[in-house]
């Protein structure tokens, strides 16, 4: 069960499932998701078996749902070091441009209270869209950005899992070796 903010200060629990964007199913064109997204919800778009893209639901414009997300998709992006890119940016795109399948993943709601969209998150998104951002897979990826906007805390469970696996792999030779 995940919680999502329905109005300032009010949270409701919801089971989540990946949703597919379809034009005819509901007011926002969502299928297999809770009936309505709320501004400030974190959306997770699966990319492969291990990693997902994250963004923050911004609301609708002319009936089209939008998401704010960290991206380095433009053709001039340069990866200068492993996992690091210059010319990344916070972009506001229609949800179905970012991905056809997604789920609401407000996974830190029990540990950190979600901030109010209208008094905090919206202004931070709009300000961030005017500034250049350096994308760093380990320290500032789309999940870090989404949790920073919603909770004021940078967190990436995807990277935490990678660190846990690496630490275990590095530790094994030393545990097995007798000094």
Protein backbone atom coordinates (compact mmCIF):
# COMPACT_ATOMS: atom_id res chain seq x y z
CA UNK A 1 0.00 0.00 0.00
CA UNK A 2 1.27 3.44 -0.90
CA UNK A 3 -0.02 6.79 0.24
CA UNK A 4 -0.61 9.80 -1.90
CA UNK A 5 -1.49 13.37 -1.13
CA UNK A 6 -5.03 14.24 -2.17
CA UNK A 7 -5.15 17.73 -0.78
CA UNK A 8 -2.87 19.73 1.47
CA UNK A 9 -2.38 17.69 4.63
CA UNK A 10 -4.61 14.74 3.62
CA UNK A 11 -3.22 11.35 2.60
CA UNK A 12 -5.04 8.29 1.36
CA UNK A 13 -3.65 4.79 0.86
CA UNK A 14 -3.73 3.12 -2.51
CA UNK A 15 -2.46 -0.08 -4.05
CA UNK A 16 -0.42 0.67 -7.13
CA UNK A 17 -0.02 -1.13 -10.40
CA UNK A 18 1.67 -0.11 -13.58
CA UNK A 19 -0.64 1.96 -15.71
CA UNK A 20 -0.78 2.25 -19.44
CA UNK A 21 -1.70 5.53 -21.03
CA UNK A 22 -4.82 5.09 -23.15
CA UNK A 23 -6.88 7.91 -24.59
CA UNK A 24 -10.38 6.63 -23.78
CA UNK A 25 -10.51 5.11 -20.29
CA UNK A 26 -10.83 7.96 -17.79
CA UNK A 27 -10.55 11.70 -17.45
CA UNK A 28 -6.75 11.49 -17.61
CA UNK A 29 -6.51 8.50 -19.92
CA UNK A 30 -5.12 6.14 -17.27
CA UNK A 31 -5.72 2.42 -17.06
CA UNK A 32 -4.83 0.15 -14.10
CA UNK A 33 -3.89 3.00 -11.76
CA UNK A 34 -5.74 4.67 -8.95
CA UNK A 35 -8.53 6.76 -10.51
CA UNK A 36 -6.81 10.11 -10.14
CA UNK A 37 -3.24 11.34 -9.90
CA UNK A 38 -2.51 14.18 -7.52
CA UNK A 39 0.03 16.94 -8.15
CA UNK A 40 3.20 16.02 -6.29
CA UNK A 41 2.84 12.24 -6.78
CA UNK A 42 6.07 10.51 -7.78
CA UNK A 43 5.65 8.59 -11.03
CA UNK A 44 7.97 5.68 -11.81
CA UNK A 45 8.49 4.69 -15.46
CA UNK A 46 10.22 1.28 -15.81
CA UNK A 47 13.09 1.36 -18.33
CA UNK A 48 14.55 -2.13 -17.98
CA UNK A 49 14.80 -4.97 -15.47
CA UNK A 50 16.93 -2.91 -13.07
CA UNK A 51 16.25 0.79 -13.51
CA UNK A 52 13.35 3.22 -13.81
CA UNK A 53 12.92 6.88 -14.69
CA UNK A 54 11.18 9.00 -12.04
CA UNK A 55 9.26 12.26 -12.20
CA UNK A 56 6.76 14.32 -10.23
CA UNK A 57 3.19 14.64 -11.46
CA UNK A 58 2.58 18.31 -12.23
CA UNK A 59 -1.10 18.30 -13.14
CA UNK A 60 -3.06 18.79 -16.34
CA UNK A 61 -2.77 21.40 -19.05
CA UNK A 62 -5.67 21.42 -21.51
CA UNK A 63 -6.69 17.97 -20.25
CA UNK A 64 -3.21 16.48 -20.81
CA UNK A 65 -1.38 15.10 -17.73
CA UNK A 66 2.18 16.45 -17.30
CA UNK A 67 5.19 15.22 -15.35
CA UNK A 68 8.33 17.14 -14.30
CA UNK A 69 11.44 14.98 -14.67
CA UNK A 70 15.22 15.16 -14.84
CA UNK A 71 16.43 14.32 -18.31
CA UNK A 72 19.58 14.47 -20.39
CA UNK A 73 17.89 13.51 -23.64
CA UNK A 74 18.95 16.36 -25.91
CA UNK A 75 21.47 15.60 -28.63
CA UNK A 76 24.13 17.92 -27.20
CA UNK A 77 24.39 16.07 -23.89
CA UNK A 78 27.96 15.03 -23.14
CA UNK A 79 28.85 12.27 -20.72
CA UNK A 80 32.15 13.52 -19.29
CA UNK A 81 32.66 10.82 -16.67
CA UNK A 82 31.00 7.48 -16.11
CA UNK A 83 27.35 8.16 -15.34
CA UNK A 84 27.66 11.95 -15.38
CA UNK A 85 26.22 14.32 -17.97
CA UNK A 86 26.33 18.02 -18.58
CA UNK A 87 23.33 19.79 -20.14
CA UNK A 88 20.75 17.85 -18.17
CA UNK A 89 17.56 19.69 -17.31
CA UNK A 90 14.28 19.50 -15.47
CA UNK A 91 11.64 19.22 -18.19
CA UNK A 92 7.86 19.32 -18.13
CA UNK A 93 6.44 16.78 -20.59
CA UNK A 94 3.15 14.98 -21.15
CA UNK A 95 3.13 11.76 -19.11
CA UNK A 96 2.84 9.57 -22.22
CA UNK A 97 5.95 11.20 -23.75
CA UNK A 98 8.02 10.09 -20.75
CA UNK A 99 6.56 6.58 -20.79
CA UNK A 100 3.51 4.54 -21.68
CA UNK A 101 3.67 2.51 -18.46
CA UNK A 102 4.16 3.92 -14.99
CA UNK A 103 3.07 3.65 -11.40
CA UNK A 104 2.64 6.05 -8.51
CA UNK A 105 5.52 5.37 -6.14
CA UNK A 106 5.37 7.66 -3.11
CA UNK A 107 7.53 5.18 -1.21
CA UNK A 108 8.92 7.59 1.39
CA UNK A 109 5.55 8.91 2.62
CA UNK A 110 5.79 6.92 5.86
CA UNK A 111 9.32 8.18 6.62
CA UNK A 112 9.06 11.75 5.36
CA UNK A 113 5.93 13.89 5.12
CA UNK A 114 5.18 14.95 1.54
CA UNK A 115 5.50 18.68 1.02
CA UNK A 116 2.54 20.67 -0.27
CA UNK A 117 2.55 20.87 -4.07
CA UNK A 118 1.15 24.38 -4.37
CA UNK A 119 3.23 26.07 -1.67
CA UNK A 120 6.57 24.30 -2.30
CA UNK A 121 6.89 21.77 -5.11
CA UNK A 122 5.35 23.72 -8.01
CA UNK A 123 7.57 26.77 -7.46
CA UNK A 124 10.67 24.57 -7.13
CA UNK A 125 9.84 22.77 -10.39
CA UNK A 126 9.33 26.05 -12.23
CA UNK A 127 12.58 27.50 -10.84
CA UNK A 128 14.54 24.30 -11.58
CA UNK A 129 13.39 24.35 -15.22
CA UNK A 130 15.29 27.64 -15.70
CA UNK A 131 18.63 26.33 -14.38
CA UNK A 132 21.19 23.92 -15.81
CA UNK A 133 21.55 20.66 -13.90
CA UNK A 134 24.33 18.08 -13.87
CA UNK A 135 22.97 14.55 -14.06
CA UNK A 136 24.94 12.05 -12.01
CA UNK A 137 23.74 8.46 -11.88
CA UNK A 138 25.10 7.95 -8.34
CA UNK A 139 24.38 11.31 -6.71
CA UNK A 140 21.73 13.16 -8.74
CA UNK A 141 19.55 10.97 -10.95
CA UNK A 142 15.83 11.27 -11.70
CA UNK A 143 14.87 9.41 -8.51
CA UNK A 144 17.02 11.75 -6.39
CA UNK A 145 15.34 14.72 -8.09
CA UNK A 146 11.79 13.37 -7.61
CA UNK A 147 12.28 12.63 -3.91
CA UNK A 148 13.97 15.99 -3.40
CA UNK A 149 10.94 17.74 -4.87
CA UNK A 150 8.29 15.71 -3.01
CA UNK A 151 10.01 15.32 0.37
CA UNK A 152 12.93 17.75 0.42
CA UNK A 153 15.22 14.69 0.74
CA UNK A 154 17.47 13.16 -1.96
CA UNK A 155 17.07 9.38 -2.05
CA UNK A 156 17.54 6.68 -4.67
CA UNK A 157 16.61 3.13 -3.72
CA UNK A 158 17.91 1.96 -7.10
CA UNK A 159 21.39 3.22 -6.27
CA UNK A 160 21.16 1.94 -2.69
CA UNK A 161 20.60 -1.55 -4.13
CA UNK A 162 23.65 -1.16 -6.39
CA UNK A 163 25.79 -0.02 -3.43
CA UNK A 164 24.58 -2.98 -1.35
CA UNK A 165 25.50 -5.43 -4.11
CA UNK A 166 28.91 -3.84 -4.69
CA UNK A 167 29.73 -3.75 -0.98
CA UNK A 168 28.80 -7.42 -0.65
CA UNK A 169 30.90 -8.37 -3.70
CA UNK A 170 33.94 -6.44 -2.44
CA UNK A 171 33.61 -7.86 1.07
CA UNK A 172 33.40 -11.55 0.05
CA UNK A 173 37.10 -12.06 -0.83
CA UNK A 174 38.17 -10.59 2.52
CA UNK A 175 35.69 -12.63 4.55
CA UNK A 176 36.80 -15.88 2.89
CA UNK A 177 40.51 -15.10 3.20
CA UNK A 178 42.13 -15.93 6.51
CA UNK A 179 44.84 -13.54 7.55
